[in-house]
PDB file of N, CA and C in Angstrom:
ATOM      1  N   MET A   1    -129.267  85.380  75.455  1.00  0.00           N
ATOM      2  CA  MET A   1    -129.011  84.815  74.140  1.00  0.00           C
ATOM      3  C   MET A   1    -127.495  84.767  73.914  1.00  0.00           C
ATOM      4  N   ARG A   2    -127.056  83.659  73.366  1.00  0.00           N
ATOM      5  CA  ARG A   2    -125.650  83.454  73.040  1.00  0.00           C
ATOM      6  C   ARG A   2    -125.391  83.902  71.615  1.00  0.00           C
ATOM      7  N   GLN A   3    -124.193  84.399  71.351  1.00  0.00           N
ATOM      8  CA  GLN A   3    -123.831  84.835  70.010  1.00  0.00           C
ATOM      9  C   GLN A   3    -122.509  84.198  69.609  1.00  0.00           C
ATOM     10  N   ALA A   4    -122.427  83.785  68.364  1.00  0.00           N
ATOM     11  CA  ALA A   4    -121.192  83.246  67.805  1.00  0.00           C
ATOM     12  C   ALA A   4    -120.882  84.028  66.535  1.00  0.00           C
ATOM     13  N   GLU A   5    -119.609  84.075  66.206  1.00  0.00           N
ATOM     14  CA  GLU A   5    -119.204  84.827  65.029  1.00  0.00           C
ATOM     15  C   GLU A   5    -118.275  83.983  64.170  1.00  0.00           C
ATOM     16  N   ILE A   6    -118.503  84.038  62.862  1.00  0.00           N
ATOM     17  CA  ILE A   6    -117.621  83.411  61.881  1.00  0.00           C
ATOM     18  C   ILE A   6    -117.042  84.549  61.049  1.00  0.00           C
ATOM     19  N   LYS A   7    -115.737  84.554  60.935  1.00  0.00           N
ATOM     20  CA  LYS A   7    -115.069  85.622  60.185  1.00  0.00           C
ATOM     21  C   LYS A   7    -114.290  85.001  59.033  1.00  0.00           C
ATOM     22  N   ILE A   8    -114.457  85.569  57.853  1.00  0.00           N
ATOM     23  CA  ILE A   8    -113.740  85.129  56.658  1.00  0.00           C
ATOM     24  C   ILE A   8    -112.905  86.300  56.162  1.00  0.00           C
ATOM     25  N   THR A   9    -111.624  86.044  55.986  1.00  0.00           N
ATOM     26  CA  THR A   9    -110.712  87.059  55.473  1.00  0.00           C
ATOM     27  C   THR A   9    -110.192  86.591  54.122  1.00  0.00           C
ATOM     28  N   VAL A  10    -110.281  87.455  53.125  1.00  0.00           N
ATOM     29  CA  VAL A  10    -109.820  87.127  51.779  1.00  0.00           C
ATOM     30  C   VAL A  10    -108.728  88.121  51.401  1.00  0.00           C
ATOM     31  N   ASN A  11    -107.537  87.613  51.179  1.00  0.00           N
ATOM     32  CA  ASN A  11    -106.428  88.436  50.710  1.00  0.00           C
ATOM     33  C   ASN A  11    -106.386  88.353  49.189  1.00  0.00           C
ATOM     34  N   LEU A  12    -106.409  89.514  48.552  1.00  0.00           N
ATOM     35  CA  LEU A  12    -106.519  89.601  47.094  1.00  0.00           C
ATOM     36  C   LEU A  12    -105.226  90.085  46.466  1.00  0.00           C
ATOM     37  N   ASP A  13    -105.013  89.684  45.202  1.00  0.00           N
ATOM     38  CA  ASP A  13    -103.877  90.212  44.454  1.00  0.00           C
ATOM     39  C   ASP A  13    -104.284  91.542  43.808  1.00  0.00           C
ATOM     40  N   ASP A  14    -103.424  92.093  42.983  1.00  0.00           N
ATOM     41  CA  ASP A  14    -103.691  93.384  42.341  1.00  0.00           C
ATOM     42  C   ASP A  14    -104.881  93.347  41.391  1.00  0.00           C
ATOM     43  N   ASN A  15    -105.266  92.151  40.939  1.00  0.00           N
ATOM     44  CA  ASN A  15    -106.411  91.983  40.040  1.00  0.00           C
ATOM     45  C   ASN A  15    -107.664  91.531  40.782  1.00  0.00           C
ATOM     46  N   ASN A  16    -107.634  91.650  42.107  1.00  0.00           N
ATOM     47  CA  ASN A  16    -108.753  91.245  42.968  1.00  0.00           C
ATOM     48  C   ASN A  16    -109.054  89.753  42.909  1.00  0.00           C
ATOM     49  N   MET A  17    -108.047  88.955  42.612  1.00  0.00           N
ATOM     50  CA  MET A  17    -108.194  87.500  42.636  1.00  0.00           C
ATOM     51  C   MET A  17    -107.754  86.998  44.016  1.00  0.00           C
ATOM     52  N   PRO A  18    -108.513  86.096  44.621  1.00  0.00           N
ATOM     53  CA  PRO A  18    -108.129  85.596  45.942  1.00  0.00           C
ATOM     54  C   PRO A  18    -106.788  84.858  45.919  1.00  0.00           C
ATOM     55  N   GLU A  19    -105.894  85.289  46.767  1.00  0.00           N
ATOM     56  CA  GLU A  19    -104.618  84.605  46.956  1.00  0.00           C
ATOM     57  C   GLU A  19    -104.662  83.740  48.204  1.00  0.00           C
ATOM     58  N   GLU A  20    -105.455  84.174  49.176  1.00  0.00           N
ATOM     59  CA  GLU A  20    -105.534  83.450  50.447  1.00  0.00           C
ATOM     60  C   GLU A  20    -106.925  83.677  51.038  1.00  0.00           C
ATOM     61  N   ILE A  21    -107.508  82.593  51.553  1.00  0.00           N
ATOM     62  CA  ILE A  21    -108.788  82.667  52.246  1.00  0.00           C
ATOM     63  C   ILE A  21    -108.552  82.081  53.636  1.00  0.00           C
ATOM     64  N   LEU A  22    -108.930  82.831  54.657  1.00  0.00           N
ATOM     65  CA  LEU A  22    -108.770  82.393  56.039  1.00  0.00           C
ATOM     66  C   LEU A  22    -110.127  82.485  56.727  1.00  0.00           C
ATOM     67  N   TRP A  23    -110.417  81.509  57.582  1.00  0.00           N
ATOM     68  CA  TRP A  23    -111.655  81.615  58.344  1.00  0.00           C
ATOM     69  C   TRP A  23    -111.369  81.312  59.803  1.00  0.00           C
ATOM     70  N   GLU A  24    -112.190  81.908  60.658  1.00  0.00           N
ATOM     71  CA  GLU A  24    -112.064  81.692  62.091  1.00  0.00           C
ATOM     72  C   GLU A  24    -113.457  81.794  62.702  1.00  0.00           C
ATOM     73  N   SER A  25    -113.606  81.173  63.864  1.00  0.00           N
ATOM     74  CA  SER A  25    -114.895  81.151  64.532  1.00  0.00           C
ATOM     75  C   SER A  25    -114.709  81.332  66.032  1.00  0.00           C
ATOM     76  N   THR A  26    -115.613  82.054  66.626  1.00  0.00           N
ATOM     77  CA  THR A  26    -115.558  82.226  68.078  1.00  0.00           C
ATOM     78  C   THR A  26    -115.864  80.924  68.805  1.00  0.00           C
ATOM     79  N   ASP A  27    -116.483  79.975  68.141  1.00  0.00           N
ATOM     80  CA  ASP A  27    -116.790  78.673  68.749  1.00  0.00           C
ATOM     81  C   ASP A  27    -115.712  77.621  68.503  1.00  0.00           C
ATOM     82  N   ALA A  28    -114.673  77.977  67.771  1.00  0.00           N
ATOM     83  CA  ALA A  28    -113.615  77.010  67.458  1.00  0.00           C
ATOM     84  C   ALA A  28    -112.840  76.652  68.725  1.00  0.00           C
ATOM     85  N   GLN A  29    -112.256  75.461  68.730  1.00  0.00           N
ATOM     86  CA  GLN A  29    -111.473  75.017  69.879  1.00  0.00           C
ATOM     87  C   GLN A  29    -110.180  75.801  70.012  1.00  0.00           C
ATOM     88  N   ASN A  30    -109.679  76.325  68.905  1.00  0.00           N
ATOM     89  CA  ASN A  30    -108.516  77.205  68.978  1.00  0.00           C
ATOM     90  C   ASN A  30    -108.847  78.500  68.242  1.00  0.00           C
ATOM     91  N   SER A  31    -108.058  79.494  68.455  1.00  0.00           N
ATOM     92  CA  SER A  31    -108.355  80.802  67.865  1.00  0.00           C
ATOM     93  C   SER A  31    -107.571  81.069  66.585  1.00  0.00           C
ATOM     94  N   ASP A  32    -106.972  80.021  66.014  1.00  0.00           N
ATOM     95  CA  ASP A  32    -106.188  80.183  64.801  1.00  0.00           C
ATOM     96  C   ASP A  32    -107.072  80.519  63.602  1.00  0.00           C
ATOM     97  N   LYS A  33    -106.531  81.296  62.698  1.00  0.00           N
ATOM     98  CA  LYS A  33    -107.166  81.506  61.402  1.00  0.00           C
ATOM     99  C   LYS A  33    -106.804  80.299  60.548  1.00  0.00           C
ATOM    100  N   VAL A  34    -107.802  79.648  59.992  1.00  0.00           N
ATOM    101  CA  VAL A  34    -107.584  78.420  59.232  1.00  0.00           C
ATOM    102  C   VAL A  34    -107.565  78.748  57.737  1.00  0.00           C
ATOM    103  N   PRO A  35    -106.459  78.417  57.054  1.00  0.00           N
ATOM    104  CA  PRO A  35    -106.408  78.684  55.612  1.00  0.00           C
ATOM    105  C   PRO A  35    -107.200  77.634  54.840  1.00  0.00           C
ATOM    106  N   VAL A  36    -107.930  78.081  53.826  1.00  0.00           N
ATOM    107  CA  VAL A  36    -108.671  77.190  52.934  1.00  0.00           C
ATOM    108  C   VAL A  36    -108.412  77.626  51.497  1.00  0.00           C
ATOM    109  N   LYS A  37    -108.644  76.741  50.564  1.00  0.00           N
ATOM    110  CA  LYS A  37    -108.416  77.038  49.154  1.00  0.00           C
ATOM    111  C   LYS A  37    -109.700  77.445  48.423  1.00  0.00           C
ATOM    112  N   SER A  38    -110.863  77.086  48.993  1.00  0.00           N
ATOM    113  CA  SER A  38    -112.118  77.374  48.325  1.00  0.00           C
ATOM    114  C   SER A  38    -113.236  77.479  49.349  1.00  0.00           C
ATOM    115  N   MET A  39    -114.271  78.240  49.010  1.00  0.00           N
ATOM    116  CA  MET A  39    -115.440  78.338  49.882  1.00  0.00           C
ATOM    117  C   MET A  39    -116.679  78.621  49.042  1.00  0.00           C
ATOM    118  N   LEU A  40    -117.787  78.109  49.505  1.00  0.00           N
ATOM    119  CA  LEU A  40    -119.096  78.388  48.931  1.00  0.00           C
ATOM    120  C   LEU A  40    -119.984  78.809  50.092  1.00  0.00           C
ATOM    121  N   LEU A  41    -120.574  79.966  49.993  1.00  0.00           N
ATOM    122  CA  LEU A  41    -121.461  80.463  51.040  1.00  0.00           C
ATOM    123  C   LEU A  41    -122.789  80.809  50.394  1.00  0.00           C
ATOM    124  N   ALA A  42    -123.858  80.227  50.908  1.00  0.00           N
ATOM    125  CA  ALA A  42    -125.195  80.511  50.393  1.00  0.00           C
ATOM    126  C   ALA A  42    -126.063  80.995  51.543  1.00  0.00           C
ATOM    127  N   LEU A  43    -126.756  82.091  51.307  1.00  0.00           N
ATOM    128  CA  LEU A  43    -127.639  82.688  52.304  1.00  0.00           C
ATOM    129  C   LEU A  43    -129.018  82.867  51.688  1.00  0.00           C
ATOM    130  N   TRP A  44    -130.065  82.646  52.479  1.00  0.00           N
ATOM    131  CA  TRP A  44    -131.431  82.810  51.983  1.00  0.00           C
ATOM    132  C   TRP A  44    -131.990  84.143  52.478  1.00  0.00           C
ATOM    133  N   ASP A  45    -132.388  84.992  51.547  1.00  0.00           N
ATOM    134  CA  ASP A  45    -133.021  86.264  51.879  1.00  0.00           C
ATOM    135  C   ASP A  45    -134.530  86.052  51.854  1.00  0.00           C
ATOM    136  N   HIS A  46    -135.134  85.951  53.032  1.00  0.00           N
ATOM    137  CA  HIS A  46    -136.561  85.647  53.094  1.00  0.00           C
ATOM    138  C   HIS A  46    -137.432  86.820  52.640  1.00  0.00           C
ATOM    139  N   ASN A  47    -136.914  88.044  52.668  1.00  0.00           N
ATOM    140  CA  ASN A  47    -137.701  89.189  52.204  1.00  0.00           C
ATOM    141  C   ASN A  47    -137.861  89.174  50.685  1.00  0.00           C
ATOM    142  N   TYR A  48    -136.774  88.884  49.971  1.00  0.00           N
ATOM    143  CA  TYR A  48    -136.812  88.868  48.507  1.00  0.00           C
ATOM    144  C   TYR A  48    -137.029  87.468  47.942  1.00  0.00           C
ATOM    145  N   LYS A  49    -137.031  86.453  48.816  1.00  0.00           N
ATOM    146  CA  LYS A  49    -137.254  85.055  48.401  1.00  0.00           C
ATOM    147  C   LYS A  49    -136.235  84.612  47.356  1.00  0.00           C
ATOM    148  N   ASN A  50    -134.955  84.906  47.667  1.00  0.00           N
ATOM    149  CA  ASN A  50    -133.901  84.437  46.772  1.00  0.00           C
ATOM    150  C   ASN A  50    -132.639  84.171  47.582  1.00  0.00           C
ATOM    151  N   SER A  51    -131.719  83.504  46.945  1.00  0.00           N
ATOM    152  CA  SER A  51    -130.463  83.192  47.619  1.00  0.00           C
ATOM    153  C   SER A  51    -129.379  84.164  47.181  1.00  0.00           C
ATOM    154  N   MET A  52    -128.469  84.380  48.110  1.00  0.00           N
ATOM    155  CA  MET A  52    -127.292  85.194  47.838  1.00  0.00           C
ATOM    156  C   MET A  52    -126.101  84.279  48.029  1.00  0.00           C
ATOM    157  N   ARG A  53    -125.107  84.404  47.180  1.00  0.00           N
ATOM    158  CA  ARG A  53    -123.991  83.470  47.205  1.00  0.00           C
ATOM    159  C   ARG A  53    -122.664  84.196  47.118  1.00  0.00           C
ATOM    160  N   ILE A  54    -121.688  83.583  47.754  1.00  0.00           N
ATOM    161  CA  ILE A  54    -120.297  83.978  47.587  1.00  0.00           C
ATOM    162  C   ILE A  54    -119.532  82.697  47.299  1.00  0.00           C
ATOM    163  N   ASP A  55    -118.968  82.604  46.125  1.00  0.00           N
ATOM    164  CA  ASP A  55    -118.168  81.453  45.718  1.00  0.00           C
ATOM    165  C   ASP A  55    -116.762  81.957  45.423  1.00  0.00           C
ATOM    166  N   LEU A  56    -115.799  81.518  46.195  1.00  0.00           N
ATOM    167  CA  LEU A  56    -114.422  81.969  46.021  1.00  0.00           C
ATOM    168  C   LEU A  56    -113.466  80.787  46.037  1.00  0.00           C
ATOM    169  N   TRP A  57    -112.402  80.907  45.278  1.00  0.00           N
ATOM    170  CA  TRP A  57    -111.321  79.934  45.346  1.00  0.00           C
ATOM    171  C   TRP A  57    -110.025  80.655  45.041  1.00  0.00           C
ATOM    172  N   THR A  58    -108.959  80.171  45.633  1.00  0.00           N
ATOM    173  CA  THR A  58    -107.655  80.798  45.426  1.00  0.00           C
ATOM    174  C   THR A  58    -107.098  80.400  44.067  1.00  0.00           C
ATOM    175  N   LYS A  59    -106.144  81.210  43.601  1.00  0.00           N
ATOM    176  CA  LYS A  59    -105.523  80.957  42.293  1.00  0.00           C
ATOM    177  C   LYS A  59    -104.827  79.606  42.247  1.00  0.00           C
ATOM    178  N   ASP A  60    -104.381  79.124  43.410  1.00  0.00           N
ATOM    179  CA  ASP A  60    -103.634  77.864  43.423  1.00  0.00           C
ATOM    180  C   ASP A  60    -104.486  76.667  43.860  1.00  0.00           C
ATOM    181  N   MET A  61    -105.801  76.799  43.784  1.00  0.00           N
ATOM    182  CA  MET A  61    -106.687  75.672  44.090  1.00  0.00           C
ATOM    183  C   MET A  61    -106.554  74.643  42.972  1.00  0.00           C
ATOM    184  N   PRO A  62    -106.069  73.436  43.278  1.00  0.00           N
ATOM    185  CA  PRO A  62    -105.923  72.417  42.241  1.00  0.00           C
ATOM    186  C   PRO A  62    -107.282  71.951  41.702  1.00  0.00           C
ATOM    187  N   VAL A  63    -107.353  71.711  40.419  1.00  0.00           N
ATOM    188  CA  VAL A  63    -108.599  71.302  39.782  1.00  0.00           C
ATOM    189  C   VAL A  63    -109.117  69.993  40.380  1.00  0.00           C
ATOM    190  N   ASP A  64    -108.248  69.027  40.650  1.00  0.00           N
ATOM    191  CA  ASP A  64    -108.721  67.759  41.220  1.00  0.00           C
ATOM    192  C   ASP A  64    -109.333  67.973  42.608  1.00  0.00           C
ATOM    193  N   GLU A  65    -108.790  68.917  43.386  1.00  0.00           N
ATOM    194  CA  GLU A  65    -109.372  69.212  44.696  1.00  0.00           C
ATOM    195  C   GLU A  65    -110.700  69.954  44.552  1.00  0.00           C
ATOM    196  N   MET A  66    -110.828  70.806  43.518  1.00  0.00           N
ATOM    197  CA  MET A  66    -112.091  71.490  43.271  1.00  0.00           C
ATOM    198  C   MET A  66    -113.175  70.484  42.912  1.00  0.00           C
ATOM    199  N   LYS A  67    -112.831  69.491  42.106  1.00  0.00           N
ATOM    200  CA  LYS A  67    -113.803  68.444  41.773  1.00  0.00           C
ATOM    201  C   LYS A  67    -114.259  67.714  43.029  1.00  0.00           C
ATOM    202  N   ARG A  68    -113.319  67.360  43.887  1.00  0.00           N
ATOM    203  CA  ARG A  68    -113.641  66.667  45.139  1.00  0.00           C
ATOM    204  C   ARG A  68    -114.489  67.561  46.044  1.00  0.00           C
ATOM    205  N   PHE A  69    -114.135  68.838  46.106  1.00  0.00           N
ATOM    206  CA  PHE A  69    -114.877  69.801  46.915  1.00  0.00           C
ATOM    207  C   PHE A  69    -116.337  69.865  46.461  1.00  0.00           C
ATOM    208  N   PHE A  70    -116.564  69.945  45.152  1.00  0.00           N
ATOM    209  CA  PHE A  70    -117.931  69.984  44.647  1.00  0.00           C
ATOM    210  C   PHE A  70    -118.668  68.684  44.945  1.00  0.00           C
ATOM    211  N   TYR A  71    -118.016  67.547  44.759  1.00  0.00           N
ATOM    212  CA  TYR A  71    -118.638  66.264  45.058  1.00  0.00           C
ATOM    213  C   TYR A  71    -119.078  66.212  46.519  1.00  0.00           C
ATOM    214  N   GLU A  72    -118.185  66.557  47.422  1.00  0.00           N
ATOM    215  CA  GLU A  72    -118.513  66.497  48.848  1.00  0.00           C
ATOM    216  C   GLU A  72    -119.584  67.523  49.217  1.00  0.00           C
ATOM    217  N   THR A  73    -119.555  68.685  48.573  1.00  0.00           N
ATOM    218  CA  THR A  73    -120.577  69.696  48.836  1.00  0.00           C
ATOM    219  C   THR A  73    -121.947  69.207  48.394  1.00  0.00           C
ATOM    220  N   LEU A  74    -122.014  68.603  47.218  1.00  0.00           N
ATOM    221  CA  LEU A  74    -123.292  68.058  46.752  1.00  0.00           C
ATOM    222  C   LEU A  74    -123.808  66.977  47.703  1.00  0.00           C
ATOM    223  N   GLN A  75    -122.913  66.120  48.175  1.00  0.00           N
ATOM    224  CA  GLN A  75    -123.313  65.066  49.121  1.00  0.00           C
ATOM    225  C   GLN A  75    -123.883  65.673  50.400  1.00  0.00           C
ATOM    226  N   THR A  76    -123.189  66.656  50.965  1.00  0.00           N
ATOM    227  CA  THR A  76    -123.649  67.230  52.225  1.00  0.00           C
ATOM    228  C   THR A  76    -124.897  68.099  52.041  1.00  0.00           C
ATOM    229  N   LEU A  77    -125.076  68.683  50.848  1.00  0.00           N
ATOM    230  CA  LEU A  77    -126.326  69.387  50.584  1.00  0.00           C
ATOM    231  C   LEU A  77    -127.507  68.422  50.650  1.00  0.00           C
ATOM    232  N   GLY A  78    -127.301  67.210  50.177  1.00  0.00           N
ATOM    233  CA  GLY A  78    -128.340  66.189  50.293  1.00  0.00           C
ATOM    234  C   GLY A  78    -128.663  65.889  51.747  1.00  0.00           C
ATOM    235  N   ASP A  79    -127.629  65.736  52.583  1.00  0.00           N
ATOM    236  CA  ASP A  79    -127.848  65.496  54.020  1.00  0.00           C
ATOM    237  C   ASP A  79    -128.651  66.632  54.637  1.00  0.00           C
ATOM    238  N   THR A  80    -128.252  67.855  54.319  1.00  0.00           N
ATOM    239  CA  THR A  80    -128.923  69.034  54.878  1.00  0.00           C
ATOM    240  C   THR A  80    -130.369  69.105  54.409  1.00  0.00           C
ATOM    241  N   PHE A  81    -130.592  68.867  53.117  1.00  0.00           N
ATOM    242  CA  PHE A  81    -131.943  68.932  52.573  1.00  0.00           C
ATOM    243  C   PHE A  81    -132.842  67.884  53.224  1.00  0.00           C
ATOM    244  N   GLN A  82    -132.312  66.675  53.432  1.00  0.00           N
ATOM    245  CA  GLN A  82    -133.108  65.626  54.067  1.00  0.00           C
ATOM    246  C   GLN A  82    -133.461  66.011  55.505  1.00  0.00           C
ATOM    247  N   LYS A  83    -132.485  66.534  56.245  1.00  0.00           N
ATOM    248  CA  LYS A  83    -132.758  66.962  57.623  1.00  0.00           C
ATOM    249  C   LYS A  83    -133.788  68.085  57.666  1.00  0.00           C
ATOM    250  N   ALA A  84    -133.694  69.011  56.727  1.00  0.00           N
ATOM    251  CA  ALA A  84    -134.574  70.181  56.739  1.00  0.00           C
ATOM    252  C   ALA A  84    -135.988  69.872  56.256  1.00  0.00           C
ATOM    253  N   THR A  85    -136.120  68.914  55.325  1.00  0.00           N
ATOM    254  CA  THR A  85    -137.429  68.679  54.699  1.00  0.00           C
ATOM    255  C   THR A  85    -137.988  67.277  54.895  1.00  0.00           C
ATOM    256  N   GLY A  86    -137.119  66.315  55.206  1.00  0.00           N
ATOM    257  CA  GLY A  86    -137.562  64.932  55.301  1.00  0.00           C
ATOM    258  C   GLY A  86    -137.773  64.271  53.948  1.00  0.00           C
ATOM    259  N   GLU A  87    -137.377  64.894  52.886  1.00  0.00           N
ATOM    260  CA  GLU A  87    -137.587  64.396  51.517  1.00  0.00           C
ATOM    261  C   GLU A  87    -136.552  63.339  51.154  1.00  0.00           C
ATOM    262  N   GLN A  88    -136.797  62.107  51.531  1.00  0.00           N
ATOM    263  CA  GLN A  88    -135.852  61.021  51.319  1.00  0.00           C
ATOM    264  C   GLN A  88    -135.704  60.655  49.841  1.00  0.00           C
ATOM    265  N   ALA A  89    -136.805  60.577  49.109  1.00  0.00           N
ATOM    266  CA  ALA A  89    -136.771  60.092  47.725  1.00  0.00           C
ATOM    267  C   ALA A  89    -135.889  60.982  46.838  1.00  0.00           C
ATOM    268  N   ILE A  90    -136.059  62.295  46.931  1.00  0.00           N
ATOM    269  CA  ILE A  90    -135.273  63.181  46.074  1.00  0.00           C
ATOM    270  C   ILE A  90    -133.805  63.180  46.496  1.00  0.00           C
ATOM    271  N   VAL A  91    -133.546  62.975  47.773  1.00  0.00           N
ATOM    272  CA  VAL A  91    -132.157  62.899  48.243  1.00  0.00           C
ATOM    273  C   VAL A  91    -131.488  61.651  47.682  1.00  0.00           C
ATOM    274  N   GLU A  92    -132.223  60.571  47.565  1.00  0.00           N
ATOM    275  CA  GLU A  92    -131.665  59.374  46.931  1.00  0.00           C
ATOM    276  C   GLU A  92    -131.321  59.659  45.470  1.00  0.00           C
ATOM    277  N   ASP A  93    -132.169  60.423  44.789  1.00  0.00           N
ATOM    278  CA  ASP A  93    -131.860  60.831  43.409  1.00  0.00           C
ATOM    279  C   ASP A  93    -130.589  61.681  43.367  1.00  0.00           C
ATOM    280  N   LEU A  94    -130.452  62.592  44.317  1.00  0.00           N
ATOM    281  CA  LEU A  94    -129.253  63.424  44.367  1.00  0.00           C
ATOM    282  C   LEU A  94    -128.017  62.566  44.611  1.00  0.00           C
ATOM    283  N   ARG A  95    -128.119  61.570  45.473  1.00  0.00           N
ATOM    284  CA  ARG A  95    -126.986  60.667  45.729  1.00  0.00           C
ATOM    285  C   ARG A  95    -126.620  59.892  44.456  1.00  0.00           C
ATOM    286  N   ASP A  96    -127.638  59.480  43.696  1.00  0.00           N
ATOM    287  CA  ASP A  96    -127.363  58.824  42.415  1.00  0.00           C
ATOM    288  C   ASP A  96    -126.608  59.772  41.487  1.00  0.00           C
ATOM    289  N   TYR A  97    -127.044  61.034  41.446  1.00  0.00           N
ATOM    290  CA  TYR A  97    -126.335  62.008  40.617  1.00  0.00           C
ATOM    291  C   TYR A  97    -124.907  62.202  41.121  1.00  0.00           C
ATOM    292  N   CYS A  98    -124.714  62.247  42.435  1.00  0.00           N
ATOM    293  CA  CYS A  98    -123.371  62.417  42.996  1.00  0.00           C
ATOM    294  C   CYS A  98    -122.459  61.270  42.564  1.00  0.00           C
ATOM    295  N   ALA A  99    -122.989  60.057  42.543  1.00  0.00           N
ATOM    296  CA  ALA A  99    -122.204  58.911  42.078  1.00  0.00           C
ATOM    297  C   ALA A  99    -121.844  59.086  40.609  1.00  0.00           C
ATOM    298  N   HIS A 100    -122.800  59.554  39.809  1.00  0.00           N
ATOM    299  CA  HIS A 100    -122.544  59.832  38.385  1.00  0.00           C
ATOM    300  C   HIS A 100    -121.491  60.930  38.234  1.00  0.00           C
ATOM    301  N   PHE A 101    -121.622  62.004  39.009  1.00  0.00           N
ATOM    302  CA  PHE A 101    -120.667  63.115  38.985  1.00  0.00           C
ATOM    303  C   PHE A 101    -119.268  62.607  39.323  1.00  0.00           C
ATOM    304  N   ALA A 102    -119.161  61.810  40.393  1.00  0.00           N
ATOM    305  CA  ALA A 102    -117.860  61.276  40.812  1.00  0.00           C
ATOM    306  C   ALA A 102    -117.258  60.413  39.714  1.00  0.00           C
ATOM    307  N   ASP A 103    -118.073  59.591  39.082  1.00  0.00           N
ATOM    308  CA  ASP A 103    -117.587  58.735  38.000  1.00  0.00           C
ATOM    309  C   ASP A 103    -117.075  59.584  36.835  1.00  0.00           C
ATOM    310  N   LYS A 104    -117.857  60.569  36.407  1.00  0.00           N
ATOM    311  CA  LYS A 104    -117.466  61.418  35.284  1.00  0.00           C
ATOM    312  C   LYS A 104    -116.214  62.245  35.581  1.00  0.00           C
ATOM    313  N   MET A 105    -116.022  62.639  36.846  1.00  0.00           N
ATOM    314  CA  MET A 105    -114.887  63.468  37.238  1.00  0.00           C
ATOM    315  C   MET A 105    -113.679  62.648  37.688  1.00  0.00           C
ATOM    316  N   GLY A 106    -113.825  61.316  37.728  1.00  0.00           N
ATOM    317  CA  GLY A 106    -112.721  60.457  38.149  1.00  0.00           C
ATOM    318  C   GLY A 106    -112.383  60.598  39.622  1.00  0.00           C
ATOM    319  N   ILE A 107    -113.401  60.817  40.453  1.00  0.00           N
ATOM    320  CA  ILE A 107    -113.198  61.003  41.892  1.00  0.00           C
ATOM    321  C   ILE A 107    -113.281  59.654  42.604  1.00  0.00           C
ATOM    322  N   ASP A 108    -112.271  59.348  43.385  1.00  0.00           N
ATOM    323  CA  ASP A 108    -112.261  58.133  44.200  1.00  0.00           C
ATOM    324  C   ASP A 108    -113.113  58.398  45.445  1.00  0.00           C
ATOM    325  N   THR A 109    -114.257  57.741  45.549  1.00  0.00           N
ATOM    326  CA  THR A 109    -115.184  57.982  46.657  1.00  0.00           C
ATOM    327  C   THR A 109    -114.954  57.033  47.830  1.00  0.00           C
ATOM    328  N   ARG A 110    -113.939  56.198  47.770  1.00  0.00           N
ATOM    329  CA  ARG A 110    -113.716  55.215  48.834  1.00  0.00           C
ATOM    330  C   ARG A 110    -113.047  55.831  50.074  1.00  0.00           C
ATOM    331  N   ARG A 111    -112.596  57.055  49.999  1.00  0.00           N
ATOM    332  CA  ARG A 111    -111.979  57.624  51.198  1.00  0.00           C
ATOM    333  C   ARG A 111    -112.905  58.497  51.966  1.00  0.00           C
TER     334      ARG A 111
END
């Protein structure tokens, strides 16, 4: 059996607010720690039948980038849900909502 590891390092200020988030993976093409401004991690606990989450963002994460991050996350959640369940109809509804979200947040979706 093969094993891979993903490591997330969070550097905190004196008030425990994230100042820097770094991630690295044993499967990455290089061994550099990659800095990011925000992360959302969701895990499913099958014993308790609930999700566990870690949502972090650095103090200097720009609001416009956070809006874009959420838009792209919602889009890719739709892709994942369709692959996992085959539920095309509800994914189309989610895509409609994503378009509405982008419009309300002023996100340019052409890039």
